[in-house]
Amino acid sequence: RNAINTYYSDSVKGRFTISRDNAKNTVFLQMNSLKPEDTAVYYCV
């Protein structure tokens, strides 16, 4: 909730970054160095 703690799966660690802006009710997933195996439907939870 406070964005202090984050978790990444091993497959995306170092390439993806999760962040949030509570004032704007939004969470983000920055995805860099994308690979074909990243192809998927992505769900926010």
All heavy atoms as atom14 arrays in JSON, in Angstrom:
{
  "sequence": "RNAINTYYSDSVKGRFTISRDNAKNTVFLQMNSLKPEDTAVYYCV",
  "atom14_mask": [
    [1, 1, 1, 1, 1, 1, 1, 1, 1, 1, 1, 0, 0, 0],
    [1, 1, 1, 1, 1, 1, 1, 1, 0, 0, 0, 0, 0, 0],
    [1, 1, 1, 1, 1, 0, 0, 0, 0, 0, 0, 0, 0, 0],
    [1, 1, 1, 1, 1, 1, 1, 1, 0, 0, 0, 0, 0, 0],
    [1, 1, 1, 1, 1, 1, 1, 1, 0, 0, 0, 0, 0, 0],
    [1, 1, 1, 1, 1, 1, 1, 0, 0, 0, 0, 0, 0, 0],
    [1, 1, 1, 1, 1, 1, 1, 1, 1, 1, 1, 1, 0, 0],
    [1, 1, 1, 1, 1, 1, 1, 1, 1, 1, 1, 1, 0, 0],
    [1, 1, 1, 1, 1, 1, 0, 0, 0, 0, 0, 0, 0, 0],
    [1, 1, 1, 1, 1, 1, 1, 1, 0, 0, 0, 0, 0, 0],
    [1, 1, 1, 1, 1, 1, 0, 0, 0, 0, 0, 0, 0, 0],
    [1, 1, 1, 1, 1, 1, 1, 0, 0, 0, 0, 0, 0, 0],
    [1, 1, 1, 1, 1, 1, 1, 1, 1, 0, 0, 0, 0, 0],
    [1, 1, 1, 1, 0, 0, 0, 0, 0, 0, 0, 0, 0, 0],
    [1, 1, 1, 1, 1, 1, 1, 1, 1, 1, 1, 0, 0, 0],
    [1, 1, 1, 1, 1, 1, 1, 1, 1, 1, 1, 0, 0, 0],
    [1, 1, 1, 1, 1, 1, 1, 0, 0, 0, 0, 0, 0, 0],
    [1, 1, 1, 1, 1, 1, 1, 1, 0, 0, 0, 0, 0, 0],
    [1, 1, 1, 1, 1, 1, 0, 0, 0, 0, 0, 0, 0, 0],
    [1, 1, 1, 1, 1, 1, 1, 1, 1, 1, 1, 0, 0, 0],
    [1, 1, 1, 1, 1, 1, 1, 1, 0, 0, 0, 0, 0, 0],
    [1, 1, 1, 1, 1, 1, 1, 1, 0, 0, 0, 0, 0, 0],
    [1, 1, 1, 1, 1, 0, 0, 0, 0, 0, 0, 0, 0, 0],
    [1, 1, 1, 1, 1, 1, 1, 1, 1, 0, 0, 0, 0, 0],
    [1, 1, 1, 1, 1, 1, 1, 1, 0, 0, 0, 0, 0, 0],
    [1, 1, 1, 1, 1, 1, 1, 0, 0, 0, 0, 0, 0, 0],
    [1, 1, 1, 1, 1, 1, 1, 0, 0, 0, 0, 0, 0, 0],
    [1, 1, 1, 1, 1, 1, 1, 1, 1, 1, 1, 0, 0, 0],
    [1, 1, 1, 1, 1, 1, 1, 1, 0, 0, 0, 0, 0, 0],
    [1, 1, 1, 1, 1, 1, 1, 1, 1, 0, 0, 0, 0, 0],
    [1, 1, 1, 1, 1, 1, 1, 1, 0, 0, 0, 0, 0, 0],
    [1, 1, 1, 1, 1, 1, 1, 1, 0, 0, 0, 0, 0, 0],
    [1, 1, 1, 1, 1, 1, 0, 0, 0, 0, 0, 0, 0, 0],
    [1, 1, 1, 1, 1, 1, 1, 1, 0, 0, 0, 0, 0, 0],
    [1, 1, 1, 1, 1, 1, 1, 1, 1, 0, 0, 0, 0, 0],
    [1, 1, 1, 1, 1, 1, 1, 0, 0, 0, 0, 0, 0, 0],
    [1, 1, 1, 1, 1, 1, 1, 1, 1, 0, 0, 0, 0, 0],
    [1, 1, 1, 1, 1, 1, 1, 1, 0, 0, 0, 0, 0, 0],
    [1, 1, 1, 1, 1, 1, 1, 0, 0, 0, 0, 0, 0, 0],
    [1, 1, 1, 1, 1, 0, 0, 0, 0, 0, 0, 0, 0, 0],
    [1, 1, 1, 1, 1, 1, 1, 0, 0, 0, 0, 0, 0, 0],
    [1, 1, 1, 1, 1, 1, 1, 1, 1, 1, 1, 1, 0, 0],
    [1, 1, 1, 1, 1, 1, 1, 1, 1, 1, 1, 1, 0, 0],
    [1, 1, 1, 1, 1, 1, 0, 0, 0, 0, 0, 0, 0, 0],
    [1, 1, 1, 1, 1, 1, 1, 0, 0, 0, 0, 0, 0, 0]
  ],
  "atom14_positions": [
    [[0.82, -1.21, 0.0], [0.0, 0.0, 0.0], [0.85, 1.26, 0.0], [0.52, 2.24, -0.66], [-0.91, 0.0, 1.23], [-2.07, -0.96, 1.17], [-2.77, -1.05, 2.53], [-3.02, 0.29, 3.05], [-3.35, 0.54, 4.31], [-3.48, -0.45, 5.18], [-3.58, 1.77, 4.71], [0.0, 0.0, 0.0], [0.0, 0.0, 0.0], [0.0, 0.0, 0.0]],
    [[1.93, 1.24, 0.78], [2.77, 2.44, 0.9], [3.93, 2.45, -0.08], [4.78, 3.33, -0.03], [3.3, 2.58, 2.34], [4.09, 1.37, 2.79], [4.47, 0.52, 1.98], [4.31, 1.28, 4.08], [0.0, 0.0, 0.0], [0.0, 0.0, 0.0], [0.0, 0.0, 0.0], [0.0, 0.0, 0.0], [0.0, 0.0, 0.0], [0.0, 0.0, 0.0]],
    [[3.97, 1.44, -0.96], [5.0, 1.33, -2.02], [6.4, 1.07, -1.47], [7.37, 1.09, -2.24], [5.01, 2.58, -2.91], [0.0, 0.0, 0.0], [0.0, 0.0, 0.0], [0.0, 0.0, 0.0], [0.0, 0.0, 0.0], [0.0, 0.0, 0.0], [0.0, 0.0, 0.0], [0.0, 0.0, 0.0], [0.0, 0.0, 0.0], [0.0, 0.0, 0.0]],
    [[6.52, 0.83, -0.19], [7.86, 0.57, 0.37], [8.33, -0.83, 0.0], [9.51, -1.05, -0.27], [7.83, 0.77, 1.9], [7.71, 2.25, 2.21], [9.07, 0.16, 2.55], [7.61, 2.58, 3.69], [0.0, 0.0, 0.0], [0.0, 0.0, 0.0], [0.0, 0.0, 0.0], [0.0, 0.0, 0.0], [0.0, 0.0, 0.0], [0.0, 0.0, 0.0]],
    [[7.41, -1.79, 0.0], [7.78, -3.17, -0.32], [7.31, -3.54, -1.72], [6.18, -3.26, -2.1], [7.16, -4.13, 0.69], [7.76, -3.98, 2.06], [8.95, -3.71, 2.19], [6.96, -4.15, 3.1], [0.0, 0.0, 0.0], [0.0, 0.0, 0.0], [0.0, 0.0, 0.0], [0.0, 0.0, 0.0], [0.0, 0.0, 0.0], [0.0, 0.0, 0.0]],
    [[8.21, -4.18, -2.45], [7.88, -4.67, -3.8], [8.4, -6.09, -3.96], [9.29, -6.54, -3.23], [8.48, -3.79, -4.9], [9.9, -3.71, -4.72], [7.88, -2.39, -4.87], [0.0, 0.0, 0.0], [0.0, 0.0, 0.0], [0.0, 0.0, 0.0], [0.0, 0.0, 0.0], [0.0, 0.0, 0.0], [0.0, 0.0, 0.0], [0.0, 0.0, 0.0]],
    [[7.82, -6.78, -4.91], [8.22, -8.15, -5.22], [8.26, -8.3, -6.74], [7.4, -7.74, -7.45], [7.22, -9.15, -4.65], [7.38, -10.55, -5.2], [8.27, -11.45, -4.63], [6.66, -10.95, -6.33], [8.44, -12.72, -5.16], [6.83, -12.21, -6.87], [7.72, -13.09, -6.28], [7.89, -14.35, -6.81], [0.0, 0.0, 0.0], [0.0, 0.0, 0.0]],
    [[9.23, -9.07, -7.23], [9.32, -9.38, -8.65], [9.6, -10.87, -8.82], [10.41, -11.45, -8.07], [10.43, -8.58, -9.33], [10.22, -7.1, -9.27], [10.78, -6.32, -8.26], [9.42, -6.46, -10.22], [10.57, -4.96, -8.19], [9.2, -5.09, -10.16], [9.78, -4.36, -9.14], [9.56, -3.01, -9.07], [0.0, 0.0, 0.0], [0.0, 0.0, 0.0]],
    [[8.99, -11.46, -9.81], [9.33, -12.84, -10.12], [10.73, -12.88, -10.71], [11.22, -11.87, -11.25], [8.33, -13.43, -11.12], [8.44, -12.8, -12.37], [0.0, 0.0, 0.0], [0.0, 0.0, 0.0], [0.0, 0.0, 0.0], [0.0, 0.0, 0.0], [0.0, 0.0, 0.0], [0.0, 0.0, 0.0], [0.0, 0.0, 0.0], [0.0, 0.0, 0.0]],
    [[11.37, -14.01, -10.6], [12.74, -14.13, -11.11], [12.82, -13.85, -12.6], [13.83, -13.34, -13.1], [13.28, -15.53, -10.81], [13.58, -15.74, -9.34], [13.7, -14.74, -8.61], [13.68, -16.9, -8.93], [0.0, 0.0, 0.0], [0.0, 0.0, 0.0], [0.0, 0.0, 0.0], [0.0, 0.0, 0.0], [0.0, 0.0, 0.0], [0.0, 0.0, 0.0]],
    [[11.76, -14.17, -13.31], [11.78, -14.03, -14.76], [11.76, -12.57, -15.23], [12.12, -12.29, -16.38], [10.59, -14.78, -15.39], [9.37, -14.27, -14.9], [0.0, 0.0, 0.0], [0.0, 0.0, 0.0], [0.0, 0.0, 0.0], [0.0, 0.0, 0.0], [0.0, 0.0, 0.0], [0.0, 0.0, 0.0], [0.0, 0.0, 0.0], [0.0, 0.0, 0.0]],
    [[11.36, -11.64, -14.35], [11.28, -10.24, -14.77], [12.18, -9.33, -13.94], [12.3, -8.14, -14.25], [9.83, -9.71, -14.71], [8.89, -10.62, -15.49], [9.35, -9.53, -13.28], [0.0, 0.0, 0.0], [0.0, 0.0, 0.0], [0.0, 0.0, 0.0], [0.0, 0.0, 0.0], [0.0, 0.0, 0.0], [0.0, 0.0, 0.0], [0.0, 0.0, 0.0]],
    [[12.8, -9.87, -12.9], [13.62, -9.05, -12.02], [14.73, -8.37, -12.8], [15.41, -9.0, -13.61], [14.21, -9.94, -10.92], [14.7, -9.22, -9.7], [15.11, -10.2, -8.61], [13.92, -11.0, -8.09], [14.3, -11.94, -7.0], [0.0, 0.0, 0.0], [0.0, 0.0, 0.0], [0.0, 0.0, 0.0], [0.0, 0.0, 0.0], [0.0, 0.0, 0.0]],
    [[14.88, -7.08, -12.55], [15.89, -6.3, -13.26], [15.4, -5.7, -14.56], [16.08, -4.84, -15.14], [0.0, 0.0, 0.0], [0.0, 0.0, 0.0], [0.0, 0.0, 0.0], [0.0, 0.0, 0.0], [0.0, 0.0, 0.0], [0.0, 0.0, 0.0], [0.0, 0.0, 0.0], [0.0, 0.0, 0.0], [0.0, 0.0, 0.0], [0.0, 0.0, 0.0]],
    [[14.24, -6.14, -15.04], [13.69, -5.63, -16.3], [12.38, -4.87, -16.09], [12.1, -3.92, -16.82], [13.46, -6.78, -17.29], [14.7, -7.57, -17.63], [14.43, -8.58, -18.74], [13.45, -9.59, -18.37], [12.31, -9.8, -19.01], [11.99, -9.08, -20.08], [11.47, -10.76, -18.59], [0.0, 0.0, 0.0], [0.0, 0.0, 0.0], [0.0, 0.0, 0.0]],
    [[11.58, -5.31, -15.13], [10.28, -4.69, -14.87], [10.33, -3.9, -13.57], [11.04, -4.27, -12.63], [9.19, -5.76, -14.75], [8.83, -6.48, -16.02], [9.6, -6.38, -17.17], [7.7, -7.29, -16.06], [9.27, -7.05, -18.33], [7.35, -7.97, -17.21], [8.13, -7.84, -18.35], [0.0, 0.0, 0.0], [0.0, 0.0, 0.0], [0.0, 0.0, 0.0]],
    [[9.53, -2.84, -13.52], [9.41, -2.04, -12.31], [7.94, -1.74, -12.04], [7.24, -1.23, -12.91], [10.17, -0.71, -12.44], [11.55, -0.99, -12.72], [10.08, 0.09, -11.14], [0.0, 0.0, 0.0], [0.0, 0.0, 0.0], [0.0, 0.0, 0.0], [0.0, 0.0, 0.0], [0.0, 0.0, 0.0], [0.0, 0.0, 0.0], [0.0, 0.0, 0.0]],
    [[7.5, -2.06, -10.82], [6.14, -1.74, -10.42], [6.17, -0.48, -9.56], [7.09, -0.29, -8.76], [5.48, -2.92, -9.65], [4.0, -2.65, -9.42], [6.22, -3.22, -8.35], [3.24, -3.87, -8.88], [0.0, 0.0, 0.0], [0.0, 0.0, 0.0], [0.0, 0.0, 0.0], [0.0, 0.0, 0.0], [0.0, 0.0, 0.0], [0.0, 0.0, 0.0]],
    [[5.19, 0.37, -9.75], [5.09, 1.6, -8.95], [3.62, 1.96, -8.83], [2.77, 1.4, -9.51], [5.88, 2.73, -9.6], [5.38, 3.04, -10.89], [0.0, 0.0, 0.0], [0.0, 0.0, 0.0], [0.0, 0.0, 0.0], [0.0, 0.0, 0.0], [0.0, 0.0, 0.0], [0.0, 0.0, 0.0], [0.0, 0.0, 0.0], [0.0, 0.0, 0.0]],
    [[3.34, 2.91, -7.96], [1.95, 3.33, -7.78], [1.9, 4.8, -7.44], [2.85, 5.36, -6.86], [1.26, 2.5, -6.7], [1.81, 2.67, -5.31], [1.19, 1.64, -4.34], [-0.24, 1.85, -4.2], [-1.07, 0.92, -3.7], [-0.59, -0.26, -3.3], [-2.37, 1.18, -3.57], [0.0, 0.0, 0.0], [0.0, 0.0, 0.0], [0.0, 0.0, 0.0]],
    [[0.79, 5.41, -7.79], [0.51, 6.8, -7.45], [-0.86, 6.79, -6.77], [-1.9, 6.78, -7.45], [0.51, 7.67, -8.71], [0.33, 9.14, -8.4], [-0.17, 9.47, -7.31], [0.65, 9.97, -9.26], [0.0, 0.0, 0.0], [0.0, 0.0, 0.0], [0.0, 0.0, 0.0], [0.0, 0.0, 0.0], [0.0, 0.0, 0.0], [0.0, 0.0, 0.0]],
    [[-0.88, 6.8, -5.45], [-2.14, 6.7, -4.73], [-3.02, 7.93, -4.93], [-4.25, 7.85, -4.86], [-1.89, 6.46, -3.25], [-1.42, 5.03, -2.97], [-1.62, 4.12, -3.78], [-0.77, 4.84, -1.83], [0.0, 0.0, 0.0], [0.0, 0.0, 0.0], [0.0, 0.0, 0.0], [0.0, 0.0, 0.0], [0.0, 0.0, 0.0], [0.0, 0.0, 0.0]],
    [[-2.4, 9.07, -5.18], [-3.19, 10.29, -5.4], [-3.98, 10.2, -6.7], [-5.04, 10.83, -6.84], [-2.27, 11.5, -5.43], [0.0, 0.0, 0.0], [0.0, 0.0, 0.0], [0.0, 0.0, 0.0], [0.0, 0.0, 0.0], [0.0, 0.0, 0.0], [0.0, 0.0, 0.0], [0.0, 0.0, 0.0], [0.0, 0.0, 0.0], [0.0, 0.0, 0.0]],
    [[-3.46, 9.4, -7.65], [-4.13, 9.24, -8.94], [-4.79, 7.87, -9.1], [-5.24, 7.52, -10.18], [-3.12, 9.47, -10.08], [-2.57, 10.88, -10.12], [-1.64, 11.1, -11.3], [-1.13, 12.53, -11.34], [-0.22, 12.76, -12.49], [0.0, 0.0, 0.0], [0.0, 0.0, 0.0], [0.0, 0.0, 0.0], [0.0, 0.0, 0.0], [0.0, 0.0, 0.0]],
    [[-4.82, 7.1, -8.02], [-5.46, 5.78, -8.05], [-4.93, 4.91, -9.18], [-5.7, 4.22, -9.88], [-6.99, 5.92, -8.2], [-7.66, 6.37, -6.92], [-7.01, 6.79, -5.97], [-8.98, 6.33, -6.91], [0.0, 0.0, 0.0], [0.0, 0.0, 0.0], [0.0, 0.0, 0.0], [0.0, 0.0, 0.0], [0.0, 0.0, 0.0], [0.0, 0.0, 0.0]],
    [[-3.62, 4.91, -9.36], [-3.04, 4.2, -10.49], [-1.81, 3.41, -10.06], [-1.01, 3.88, -9.25], [-2.67, 5.19, -11.61], [-3.81, 5.97, -11.97], [-2.18, 4.45, -12.85], [0.0, 0.0, 0.0], [0.0, 0.0, 0.0], [0.0, 0.0, 0.0], [0.0, 0.0, 0.0], [0.0, 0.0, 0.0], [0.0, 0.0, 0.0], [0.0, 0.0, 0.0]],
    [[-1.67, 2.24, -10.65], [-0.47, 1.44, -10.48], [0.11, 1.2, -11.87], [-0.64, 1.09, -12.86], [-0.76, 0.11, -9.74], [-1.68, -0.79, -10.55], [0.52, -0.61, -9.4], [0.0, 0.0, 0.0], [0.0, 0.0, 0.0], [0.0, 0.0, 0.0], [0.0, 0.0, 0.0], [0.0, 0.0, 0.0], [0.0, 0.0, 0.0], [0.0, 0.0, 0.0]],
    [[1.43, 1.14, -11.95], [2.12, 1.02, -13.22], [3.02, -0.21, -13.24], [3.49, -0.67, -12.19], [2.99, 2.26, -13.48], [2.25, 3.56, -13.41], [2.25, 4.32, -12.24], [1.55, 4.03, -14.51], [1.57, 5.52, -12.17], [0.87, 5.23, -14.45], [0.88, 5.97, -13.28], [0.0, 0.0, 0.0], [0.0, 0.0, 0.0], [0.0, 0.0, 0.0]],
    [[3.27, -0.69, -14.43], [4.27, -1.72, -14.64], [5.13, -1.3, -15.83], [4.67, -1.35, -16.97], [3.65, -3.09, -14.89], [4.65, -4.24, -14.98], [5.3, -4.49, -13.61], [3.97, -5.53, -15.47], [0.0, 0.0, 0.0], [0.0, 0.0, 0.0], [0.0, 0.0, 0.0], [0.0, 0.0, 0.0], [0.0, 0.0, 0.0], [0.0, 0.0, 0.0]],
    [[6.34, -0.84, -15.53], [7.28, -0.48, -16.59], [8.03, -1.73, -17.0], [8.67, -2.37, -16.16], [8.25, 0.58, -16.09], [9.31, 0.99, -17.1], [8.72, 1.7, -18.3], [7.86, 2.57, -18.16], [9.18, 1.35, -19.5], [0.0, 0.0, 0.0], [0.0, 0.0, 0.0], [0.0, 0.0, 0.0], [0.0, 0.0, 0.0], [0.0, 0.0, 0.0]],
    [[7.94, -2.06, -18.28], [8.55, -3.29, -18.78], [9.62, -2.93, -19.8], [9.3, -2.36, -20.85], [7.48, -4.18, -19.41], [6.32, -4.5, -18.47], [5.14, -5.69, -19.16], [4.5, -4.74, -20.53], [0.0, 0.0, 0.0], [0.0, 0.0, 0.0], [0.0, 0.0, 0.0], [0.0, 0.0, 0.0], [0.0, 0.0, 0.0], [0.0, 0.0, 0.0]],
    [[10.86, -3.24, -19.48], [11.98, -2.97, -20.37], [12.62, -4.27, -20.83], [12.38, -5.33, -20.24], [13.02, -2.11, -19.66], [12.49, -0.76, -19.24], [11.61, -0.18, -19.9], [13.0, -0.24, -18.14], [0.0, 0.0, 0.0], [0.0, 0.0, 0.0], [0.0, 0.0, 0.0], [0.0, 0.0, 0.0], [0.0, 0.0, 0.0], [0.0, 0.0, 0.0]],
    [[13.43, -4.18, -21.87], [14.15, -5.35, -22.39], [13.21, -6.53, -22.59], [13.49, -7.66, -22.17], [15.3, -5.74, -21.44], [16.18, -4.66, -21.27], [0.0, 0.0, 0.0], [0.0, 0.0, 0.0], [0.0, 0.0, 0.0], [0.0, 0.0, 0.0], [0.0, 0.0, 0.0], [0.0, 0.0, 0.0], [0.0, 0.0, 0.0], [0.0, 0.0, 0.0]],
    [[12.09, -6.26, -23.22], [11.06, -7.29, -23.37], [11.53, -8.45, -24.24], [12.3, -8.25, -25.21], [9.79, -6.68, -23.94], [8.97, -5.91, -22.91], [8.0, -4.95, -23.59], [8.22, -6.87, -22.0], [0.0, 0.0, 0.0], [0.0, 0.0, 0.0], [0.0, 0.0, 0.0], [0.0, 0.0, 0.0], [0.0, 0.0, 0.0], [0.0, 0.0, 0.0]],
    [[11.07, -9.64, -23.88], [11.43, -10.87, -24.58], [10.17, -11.53, -25.13], [9.07, -11.31, -24.59], [12.11, -11.83, -23.6], [13.32, -11.26, -22.89], [13.84, -12.25, -21.85], [15.04, -11.69, -21.1], [15.54, -12.65, -20.07], [0.0, 0.0, 0.0], [0.0, 0.0, 0.0], [0.0, 0.0, 0.0], [0.0, 0.0, 0.0], [0.0, 0.0, 0.0]],
    [[10.31, -12.35, -26.13], [9.1, -13.04, -26.65], [8.37, -13.83, -25.57], [7.14, -13.92, -25.62], [9.69, -13.97, -27.72], [10.91, -13.25, -28.21], [11.48, -12.58, -26.99], [0.0, 0.0, 0.0], [0.0, 0.0, 0.0], [0.0, 0.0, 0.0], [0.0, 0.0, 0.0], [0.0, 0.0, 0.0], [0.0, 0.0, 0.0], [0.0, 0.0, 0.0]],
    [[9.09, -14.35, -24.61], [8.44, -15.12, -23.54], [7.65, -14.24, -22.57], [6.95, -14.76, -21.69], [9.46, -15.97, -22.76], [10.67, -15.22, -22.28], [11.85, -15.36, -23.22], [11.66, -15.27, -24.45], [12.98, -15.53, -22.71], [0.0, 0.0, 0.0], [0.0, 0.0, 0.0], [0.0, 0.0, 0.0], [0.0, 0.0, 0.0], [0.0, 0.0, 0.0]],
    [[7.74, -12.94, -22.71], [6.89, -12.04, -21.92], [5.5, -11.89, -22.53], [4.62, -11.25, -21.94], [7.53, -10.66, -21.8], [8.83, -10.68, -21.0], [8.86, -11.36, -19.96], [9.79, -10.01, -21.43], [0.0, 0.0, 0.0], [0.0, 0.0, 0.0], [0.0, 0.0, 0.0], [0.0, 0.0, 0.0], [0.0, 0.0, 0.0], [0.0, 0.0, 0.0]],
    [[5.3, -12.44, -23.71], [3.99, -12.36, -24.36], [2.94, -13.04, -23.5], [3.09, -14.21, -23.13], [4.05, -13.03, -25.74], [4.96, -12.3, -26.58], [2.68, -13.06, -26.39], [0.0, 0.0, 0.0], [0.0, 0.0, 0.0], [0.0, 0.0, 0.0], [0.0, 0.0, 0.0], [0.0, 0.0, 0.0], [0.0, 0.0, 0.0], [0.0, 0.0, 0.0]],
    [[1.89, -12.3, -23.17], [0.85, -12.82, -22.28], [-0.25, -11.78, -22.15], [-0.1, -10.63, -22.59], [1.43, -13.12, -20.89], [0.0, 0.0, 0.0], [0.0, 0.0, 0.0], [0.0, 0.0, 0.0], [0.0, 0.0, 0.0], [0.0, 0.0, 0.0], [0.0, 0.0, 0.0], [0.0, 0.0, 0.0], [0.0, 0.0, 0.0], [0.0, 0.0, 0.0]],
    [[-1.34, -12.18, -21.52], [-2.34, -11.22, -21.05], [-1.94, -10.82, -19.64], [-1.73, -11.69, -18.79], [-3.75, -11.8, -21.08], [-4.75, -10.78, -20.53], [-4.13, -12.21, -22.5], [0.0, 0.0, 0.0], [0.0, 0.0, 0.0], [0.0, 0.0, 0.0], [0.0, 0.0, 0.0], [0.0, 0.0, 0.0], [0.0, 0.0, 0.0], [0.0, 0.0, 0.0]],
    [[-1.84, -9.55, -19.41], [-1.42, -9.03, -18.11], [-2.64, -8.49, -17.35], [-3.42, -7.72, -17.89], [-0.38, -7.92, -18.29], [0.98, -8.47, -18.64], [1.23, -8.99, -19.9], [2.01, -8.48, -17.7], [2.47, -9.51, -20.23], [3.27, -9.0, -18.02], [3.48, -9.52, -19.28], [4.71, -10.04, -19.6], [0.0, 0.0, 0.0], [0.0, 0.0, 0.0]],
    [[-2.74, -8.92, -16.08], [-3.87, -8.56, -15.24], [-3.4, -7.74, -14.05], [-2.43, -8.1, -13.37], [-4.58, -9.8, -14.72], [-5.22, -10.64, -15.8], [-4.5, -11.65, -16.43], [-6.54, -10.44, -16.18], [-5.08, -12.43, -17.42], [-7.13, -11.21, -17.16], [-6.39, -12.2, -17.78], [-6.97, -12.97, -18.77], [0.0, 0.0, 0.0], [0.0, 0.0, 0.0]],
    [[-4.11, -6.68, -13.78], [-3.91, -5.89, -12.57], [-4.79, -6.47, -11.47], [-5.94, -6.85, -11.73], [-4.31, -4.45, -12.86], [-4.25, -3.34, -11.45], [0.0, 0.0, 0.0], [0.0, 0.0, 0.0], [0.0, 0.0, 0.0], [0.0, 0.0, 0.0], [0.0, 0.0, 0.0], [0.0, 0.0, 0.0], [0.0, 0.0, 0.0], [0.0, 0.0, 0.0]],
    [[-4.24, -6.55, -10.26], [-4.98, -7.13, -9.14], [-4.88, -6.24, -7.92], [-3.91, -5.48, -7.78], [-4.46, -8.54, -8.8], [-4.72, -9.51, -9.94], [-2.97, -8.51, -8.48], [0.0, 0.0, 0.0], [0.0, 0.0, 0.0], [0.0, 0.0, 0.0], [0.0, 0.0, 0.0], [0.0, 0.0, 0.0], [0.0, 0.0, 0.0], [0.0, 0.0, 0.0]]
  ]
}
